[in-house]
N, C-alpha and C. Protein backbone atom coordinates (compact mmCIF):
# COMPACT_ATOMS: atom_id res chain seq x y z
N MET A 1 12.40 53.02 -50.07
CA MET A 1 11.83 53.48 -49.23
C MET A 1 12.01 55.11 -48.78
N ALA A 2 13.71 54.91 -49.60
CA ALA A 2 14.37 56.29 -49.68
C ALA A 2 13.65 56.94 -50.70
N ASN A 3 12.65 56.63 -51.35
CA ASN A 3 11.67 57.78 -51.96
C ASN A 3 10.95 57.93 -51.40
N GLN A 4 10.19 57.37 -50.29
CA GLN A 4 8.91 57.97 -48.96
C GLN A 4 9.70 59.10 -48.28
N GLN A 5 10.84 59.24 -47.47
CA GLN A 5 11.41 59.87 -46.99
C GLN A 5 12.40 61.43 -48.13
N ILE A 6 11.09 62.02 -47.28
CA ILE A 6 11.86 63.59 -47.98
C ILE A 6 12.86 64.53 -47.09
N SER A 7 13.80 64.51 -48.53
CA SER A 7 15.25 65.36 -48.03
C SER A 7 14.70 66.35 -47.22
N LYS A 8 16.22 67.10 -46.66
CA LYS A 8 15.60 68.52 -46.22
C LYS A 8 15.48 69.58 -47.56
N ASP A 9 15.76 69.37 -48.28
CA ASP A 9 16.05 70.23 -49.67
C ASP A 9 14.60 70.10 -50.07
N GLU A 10 13.92 68.99 -50.00
CA GLU A 10 12.89 69.35 -50.78
C GLU A 10 11.54 69.73 -50.00
N ARG A 11 11.43 69.59 -48.61
CA ARG A 11 10.17 70.12 -47.84
C ARG A 11 10.31 71.59 -48.22
N SER A 12 8.62 71.57 -47.82
CA SER A 12 7.75 72.86 -48.69
C SER A 12 8.65 74.07 -47.69
N LEU A 13 8.52 75.29 -47.86
CA LEU A 13 8.71 76.49 -47.41
C LEU A 13 7.84 76.67 -45.87
N GLY A 14 6.49 75.85 -46.07
CA GLY A 14 4.95 75.71 -44.95
C GLY A 14 6.16 75.20 -43.80
N GLU A 15 6.75 74.03 -44.32
CA GLU A 15 7.33 73.09 -43.51
C GLU A 15 8.70 73.28 -43.10
N LEU A 16 9.16 74.03 -43.58
CA LEU A 16 10.51 74.74 -42.90
C LEU A 16 10.03 75.71 -41.90
N PHE A 17 9.07 76.39 -42.04
CA PHE A 17 8.76 77.31 -41.13
C PHE A 17 8.18 76.79 -40.31
N SER A 18 7.25 75.69 -40.22
CA SER A 18 6.77 75.19 -39.18
C SER A 18 8.21 74.70 -38.00
N SER A 19 8.72 73.73 -38.63
CA SER A 19 9.94 73.10 -37.88
C SER A 19 11.08 74.53 -37.24
N LEU A 20 11.08 75.58 -37.82
CA LEU A 20 11.44 76.98 -36.94
C LEU A 20 10.76 77.05 -35.88
N ALA A 21 9.25 77.02 -36.40
CA ALA A 21 8.72 78.02 -35.35
C ALA A 21 8.79 76.89 -34.19
N GLY A 22 8.83 75.07 -33.99
CA GLY A 22 8.99 74.48 -33.54
C GLY A 22 9.99 74.79 -32.54
N GLU A 23 10.95 74.69 -33.29
CA GLU A 23 12.51 74.41 -32.78
C GLU A 23 12.97 76.00 -31.64
N THR A 24 12.02 76.94 -32.64
CA THR A 24 12.43 78.20 -31.44
C THR A 24 11.82 78.56 -30.40
N GLY A 25 10.57 77.49 -30.49
CA GLY A 25 9.85 77.17 -29.16
C GLY A 25 10.36 76.93 -28.05
N LYS A 26 10.56 75.70 -28.20
CA LYS A 26 11.46 75.07 -27.61
C LYS A 26 12.93 75.26 -26.92
N LEU A 27 13.68 76.31 -27.74
CA LEU A 27 14.89 76.80 -27.52
C LEU A 27 14.15 77.92 -26.51
N VAL A 28 13.34 78.94 -26.61
CA VAL A 28 12.89 79.61 -25.84
C VAL A 28 11.99 79.15 -24.17
N ARG A 29 11.81 77.90 -24.14
CA ARG A 29 11.15 77.52 -23.09
C ARG A 29 12.61 76.77 -22.41
N GLN A 30 13.49 76.09 -22.95
CA GLN A 30 15.06 75.73 -22.38
C GLN A 30 15.57 77.30 -22.06
N GLU A 31 15.55 78.33 -22.01
CA GLU A 31 16.38 79.38 -21.77
C GLU A 31 15.20 80.14 -20.92
N VAL A 32 14.11 79.89 -20.35
CA VAL A 32 13.39 80.39 -19.65
C VAL A 32 13.61 79.60 -18.29
N ALA A 33 13.78 78.27 -18.45
CA ALA A 33 14.10 76.78 -17.62
C ALA A 33 15.54 77.43 -16.75
N LEU A 34 16.44 77.75 -17.80
CA LEU A 34 17.61 77.98 -17.24
C LEU A 34 17.73 79.33 -16.61
N ALA A 35 17.00 80.17 -16.81
CA ALA A 35 17.28 81.73 -16.08
C ALA A 35 16.38 81.28 -14.66
N GLN A 36 15.17 80.59 -14.83
CA GLN A 36 14.91 80.10 -13.18
C GLN A 36 15.53 79.57 -12.50
N THR A 37 16.60 78.68 -13.23
CA THR A 37 17.96 77.54 -12.43
C THR A 37 18.88 78.86 -11.79
N GLU A 38 19.38 79.50 -12.64
CA GLU A 38 20.22 80.46 -12.19
C GLU A 38 19.73 81.53 -11.48
N PHE A 39 18.19 82.23 -11.40
CA PHE A 39 17.89 82.67 -10.70
C PHE A 39 17.90 82.42 -8.80
N THR A 40 17.19 80.92 -8.90
CA THR A 40 17.14 80.24 -7.55
C THR A 40 18.43 80.01 -7.30
N GLN A 41 19.54 79.26 -7.88
CA GLN A 41 20.96 79.48 -7.12
C GLN A 41 21.39 80.56 -6.54
N LYS A 42 21.28 81.97 -7.54
CA LYS A 42 21.58 83.11 -6.62
C LYS A 42 20.72 83.54 -5.11
N ALA A 43 19.62 83.26 -5.44
CA ALA A 43 18.42 83.75 -4.39
C ALA A 43 19.06 82.75 -3.16
N ALA A 44 19.24 81.62 -3.56
CA ALA A 44 19.59 81.01 -2.09
C ALA A 44 20.37 81.09 -1.54
N ARG A 45 21.93 81.10 -2.31
CA ARG A 45 23.04 81.72 -1.49
C ARG A 45 23.03 83.31 -1.28
N ILE A 46 22.14 83.92 -1.65
CA ILE A 46 22.15 85.17 -1.00
C ILE A 46 20.93 84.95 0.58
N GLY A 47 20.25 84.08 0.61
CA GLY A 47 19.28 83.80 1.63
C GLY A 47 20.49 83.15 2.45
N ARG A 48 21.26 81.96 2.08
CA ARG A 48 21.79 81.47 2.80
C ARG A 48 23.26 82.30 3.28
N ASN A 49 23.26 83.38 3.09
CA ASN A 49 24.79 84.27 3.75
C ASN A 49 23.89 85.22 4.80
N VAL A 50 22.82 85.75 4.35
CA VAL A 50 21.94 86.47 5.11
C VAL A 50 22.05 85.89 6.24
N GLY A 51 21.24 84.23 6.29
CA GLY A 51 21.09 83.68 7.44
C GLY A 51 22.06 83.51 8.30
N TYR A 52 23.55 83.06 7.90
CA TYR A 52 24.68 82.90 8.63
C TYR A 52 25.02 84.54 9.28
N LEU A 53 25.05 85.20 8.31
CA LEU A 53 25.41 86.87 9.23
C LEU A 53 23.92 87.34 10.40
N ALA A 54 23.09 86.43 10.21
CA ALA A 54 22.12 87.01 11.14
C ALA A 54 22.26 86.02 13.28
N VAL A 55 22.67 84.74 12.21
CA VAL A 55 23.01 83.84 13.73
C VAL A 55 24.23 83.93 14.16
N GLY A 56 25.27 84.54 13.21
CA GLY A 56 26.75 85.20 13.54
C GLY A 56 26.73 85.65 14.62
N GLY A 57 25.58 86.72 14.23
CA GLY A 57 25.69 87.92 15.15
C GLY A 57 25.18 87.57 16.18
N ALA A 58 24.26 86.76 16.11
CA ALA A 58 23.45 86.48 17.31
C ALA A 58 24.38 85.99 18.67
N VAL A 59 25.17 85.09 18.19
CA VAL A 59 26.25 84.23 19.05
C VAL A 59 27.24 85.20 18.97
N GLY A 60 27.66 85.99 17.89
CA GLY A 60 28.99 86.41 18.39
C GLY A 60 28.34 87.76 19.91
N TYR A 61 27.50 88.51 20.04
CA TYR A 61 26.57 89.11 20.67
C TYR A 61 26.41 88.29 22.00
N ALA A 62 26.49 87.13 22.19
CA ALA A 62 26.64 86.54 23.06
C ALA A 62 27.41 86.73 23.93
N GLY A 63 28.59 85.98 23.06
CA GLY A 63 29.98 85.93 23.34
C GLY A 63 30.47 86.91 23.71
N LEU A 64 30.48 87.96 23.06
CA LEU A 64 30.82 89.78 23.43
C LEU A 64 30.41 90.17 24.79
N LEU A 65 29.46 89.97 25.03
CA LEU A 65 28.74 90.39 26.25
C LEU A 65 29.83 90.20 27.40
N GLY A 66 30.05 88.93 27.46
CA GLY A 66 30.54 88.48 28.67
C GLY A 66 31.88 88.61 28.68
N VAL A 67 32.62 88.93 27.65
CA VAL A 67 33.86 89.55 27.63
C VAL A 67 34.47 91.14 27.31
N LEU A 68 32.79 91.97 26.92
CA LEU A 68 33.27 93.23 27.65
C LEU A 68 32.98 93.61 29.24
N THR A 69 32.01 92.66 29.32
CA THR A 69 32.05 92.85 30.87
C THR A 69 32.99 92.55 31.78
N ALA A 70 34.13 91.24 31.31
CA ALA A 70 35.16 91.16 31.51
C ALA A 70 36.30 92.47 31.55
N VAL A 71 36.35 93.30 30.61
CA VAL A 71 37.52 94.37 29.89
C VAL A 71 36.94 95.67 31.04
N ILE A 72 35.07 95.63 31.18
CA ILE A 72 34.74 96.77 31.60
C ILE A 72 35.45 96.79 33.21
N ALA A 73 35.40 95.08 33.60
CA ALA A 73 35.69 95.15 35.25
C ALA A 73 36.93 95.18 35.35
N LEU A 74 37.72 94.85 34.61
CA LEU A 74 38.91 94.88 34.56
C LEU A 74 39.45 96.63 34.39
N LEU A 75 39.26 97.44 33.23
CA LEU A 75 39.53 98.54 33.86
C LEU A 75 38.79 99.89 34.53
N THR A 76 37.89 98.93 35.35
CA THR A 76 37.63 99.96 36.64
C THR A 76 38.78 99.81 37.82
N TYR A 77 40.17 99.00 37.62
CA TYR A 77 41.23 99.11 38.46
C TYR A 77 42.26 100.24 38.27
N VAL A 78 41.57 101.19 37.08
CA VAL A 78 42.56 101.34 36.46
C VAL A 78 41.81 103.34 36.51
N ILE A 79 40.22 102.86 35.96
CA ILE A 79 39.89 104.27 35.39
C ILE A 79 38.30 104.54 36.08
N PRO A 80 37.75 104.85 36.42
CA PRO A 80 36.31 104.89 37.15
C PRO A 80 35.12 104.39 36.35
N LEU A 81 34.37 103.07 36.65
CA LEU A 81 33.30 102.63 36.09
C LEU A 81 32.63 103.04 35.33
N TRP A 82 32.49 104.37 34.88
CA TRP A 82 31.56 104.89 33.89
C TRP A 82 32.39 105.22 32.81
N LEU A 83 33.34 105.44 33.05
CA LEU A 83 34.92 105.95 31.99
C LEU A 83 34.83 104.44 31.25
N ALA A 84 35.26 103.24 31.92
CA ALA A 84 35.36 102.51 31.43
C ALA A 84 34.60 101.70 30.42
N ALA A 85 32.99 101.75 30.77
CA ALA A 85 31.94 101.22 30.16
C ALA A 85 31.91 102.17 28.98
N LEU A 86 32.41 103.62 29.27
CA LEU A 86 32.33 104.54 28.11
C LEU A 86 33.21 104.31 26.77
N ILE A 87 34.37 104.02 27.17
CA ILE A 87 35.34 103.48 26.07
C ILE A 87 35.05 102.09 25.81
N VAL A 88 34.76 101.20 26.26
CA VAL A 88 34.52 100.07 25.69
C VAL A 88 33.30 99.91 24.70
N GLY A 89 32.54 100.56 25.03
CA GLY A 89 31.25 100.75 24.13
C GLY A 89 31.12 101.73 23.01
N VAL A 90 32.55 102.18 23.06
CA VAL A 90 33.09 103.29 21.86
C VAL A 90 33.25 102.18 20.65
N VAL A 91 34.80 101.37 21.03
CA VAL A 91 35.37 100.70 21.01
C VAL A 91 34.07 99.66 20.21
N VAL A 92 33.73 98.71 20.82
CA VAL A 92 32.72 97.74 20.19
C VAL A 92 31.79 98.51 19.21
N GLY A 93 31.49 99.93 19.74
CA GLY A 93 31.00 100.43 18.17
C GLY A 93 31.37 100.89 16.94
N LEU A 94 32.57 100.45 17.21
CA LEU A 94 33.67 100.67 16.13
C LEU A 94 33.65 99.67 15.17
N VAL A 95 33.92 98.24 15.77
CA VAL A 95 33.83 97.64 15.55
C VAL A 95 32.56 96.94 14.67
N ALA A 96 31.53 97.00 15.56
CA ALA A 96 29.90 96.60 14.40
C ALA A 96 29.98 97.27 13.22
N TYR A 97 30.52 98.31 13.78
CA TYR A 97 30.32 99.43 12.46
C TYR A 97 31.14 98.81 10.92
N VAL A 98 32.19 98.23 11.21
CA VAL A 98 33.27 98.37 10.32
C VAL A 98 32.72 96.40 9.71
N MET A 99 31.86 96.07 10.63
CA MET A 99 31.88 94.68 10.19
C MET A 99 30.27 94.96 9.39
N ILE A 100 29.58 95.35 9.84
CA ILE A 100 28.04 95.73 9.34
C ILE A 100 28.22 96.10 7.66
N THR A 101 29.21 97.43 7.48
CA THR A 101 29.61 97.78 6.66
C THR A 101 30.25 96.93 5.85
N ALA A 102 31.58 95.79 5.92
CA ALA A 102 31.71 95.09 4.54
C ALA A 102 30.66 93.73 4.39
N ALA A 103 29.58 93.54 5.57
CA ALA A 103 28.79 92.14 5.19
C ALA A 103 27.94 93.14 3.87
N LEU A 104 26.98 94.00 4.49
CA LEU A 104 26.11 94.96 3.77
C LEU A 104 26.35 95.50 1.82
N LYS A 105 28.30 95.51 2.02
CA LYS A 105 28.80 96.31 0.98
C LYS A 105 28.83 94.32 -0.21
N ALA A 106 29.21 93.27 0.76
CA ALA A 106 29.38 92.02 -0.10
C ALA A 106 28.01 91.51 -0.71
N LEU A 107 26.97 91.85 0.29
CA LEU A 107 25.46 91.71 -0.31
C LEU A 107 25.10 92.59 -1.32
N LYS A 108 25.31 93.57 -1.33
CA LYS A 108 25.37 94.89 -2.46
C LYS A 108 26.21 94.19 -3.91
N GLU A 109 27.49 93.80 -3.88
CA GLU A 109 28.16 93.02 -4.56
C GLU A 109 27.68 91.55 -5.13
N THR A 110 26.84 91.16 -4.75
CA THR A 110 26.43 89.90 -5.83
C THR A 110 25.76 90.07 -6.73
N GLU A 111 25.78 89.64 -7.86
CA GLU A 111 25.27 89.77 -9.10
C GLU A 111 24.35 89.04 -9.42
N LEU A 112 23.11 89.85 -9.85
CA LEU A 112 21.61 89.30 -9.73
C LEU A 112 21.17 88.63 -11.50
N THR A 113 21.84 89.12 -12.46
CA THR A 113 22.41 89.04 -13.77
C THR A 113 22.51 87.72 -14.25
N PRO A 114 21.59 86.87 -14.46
CA PRO A 114 22.10 85.31 -14.78
C PRO A 114 23.06 85.34 -16.69
N ARG A 115 24.19 85.36 -16.16
CA ARG A 115 24.84 85.65 -17.61
C ARG A 115 24.75 84.65 -18.04
N GLN A 116 24.65 83.22 -17.73
CA GLN A 116 24.54 81.87 -18.57
C GLN A 116 23.56 82.30 -19.53
N THR A 117 22.31 82.65 -19.35
CA THR A 117 20.96 82.66 -19.73
C THR A 117 21.85 83.61 -20.93
N VAL A 118 21.88 85.03 -20.49
CA VAL A 118 22.22 86.02 -21.51
C VAL A 118 23.24 85.56 -22.70
N GLU A 119 24.35 85.17 -22.24
CA GLU A 119 25.13 84.14 -23.21
C GLU A 119 24.62 83.38 -24.29
N THR A 120 23.76 82.38 -23.67
CA THR A 120 22.84 81.87 -24.41
C THR A 120 21.55 81.93 -25.84
N LEU A 121 21.42 83.44 -24.47
CA LEU A 121 20.27 83.87 -25.94
C LEU A 121 20.87 84.56 -26.75
N LYS A 122 22.40 85.11 -26.78
CA LYS A 122 23.17 85.97 -27.48
C LYS A 122 23.24 84.65 -28.96
N GLU A 123 23.65 83.70 -28.28
CA GLU A 123 23.70 82.48 -29.13
C GLU A 123 22.49 81.93 -29.90
N ASP A 124 21.17 82.03 -29.42
CA ASP A 124 19.94 81.91 -29.96
C ASP A 124 19.71 82.49 -30.53
N ALA A 125 20.29 83.71 -31.01
CA ALA A 125 19.89 84.76 -31.74
C ALA A 125 20.28 84.89 -32.84
N GLN A 126 21.54 84.44 -32.97
CA GLN A 126 22.70 84.34 -34.22
C GLN A 126 21.86 83.25 -35.04
N TRP A 127 21.93 81.52 -34.07
CA TRP A 127 21.05 80.92 -34.36
C TRP A 127 20.18 80.81 -35.60
N LEU A 128 19.11 81.75 -34.66
CA LEU A 128 17.83 82.02 -35.52
C LEU A 128 18.03 82.96 -36.74
N LYS A 129 18.70 83.91 -36.58
CA LYS A 129 19.34 84.60 -37.82
C LYS A 129 19.77 83.77 -38.44
N ASN A 130 20.61 82.82 -38.55
CA ASN A 130 21.48 82.02 -39.50
C ASN A 130 20.52 81.40 -40.37
N GLN A 131 19.54 80.79 -39.29
CA GLN A 131 18.33 79.91 -39.89
C GLN A 131 17.66 80.36 -40.66
N VAL A 132 16.97 81.59 -41.00
CA VAL A 132 16.32 82.59 -41.41
C VAL A 132 16.87 83.25 -42.48
N SER A 133 17.86 83.16 -42.60
CA SER A 133 18.93 83.55 -43.91
C SER A 133 19.23 82.96 -44.86
């Protein structure tokens, strides 16, 4: 039975290249699957954060309207109504600017590069180079 099995050293060059091509194809398919998984995870994270941003903004807006109305009403005891509304509007506008700027910065800093795939592709290239040598 040992004579029937061909050792790795006794295989022909064609068989070796055929085996290498098969392994390389399998490796490429696995790398593509890994890249798809990474992109899906990152897209889901971005989508979730954008959703939280939108819902949080809507809920906060409703609560803020009530509080702002109370602040304006309170200020009318000291200054005219129009001036109270103007002051509150400017302050709220500045707070909104800071919040939106921070959220956009965080979204822009989200990295989309599939780092794990890039690293494994480098390893695969080295492996392939070693197999051909």
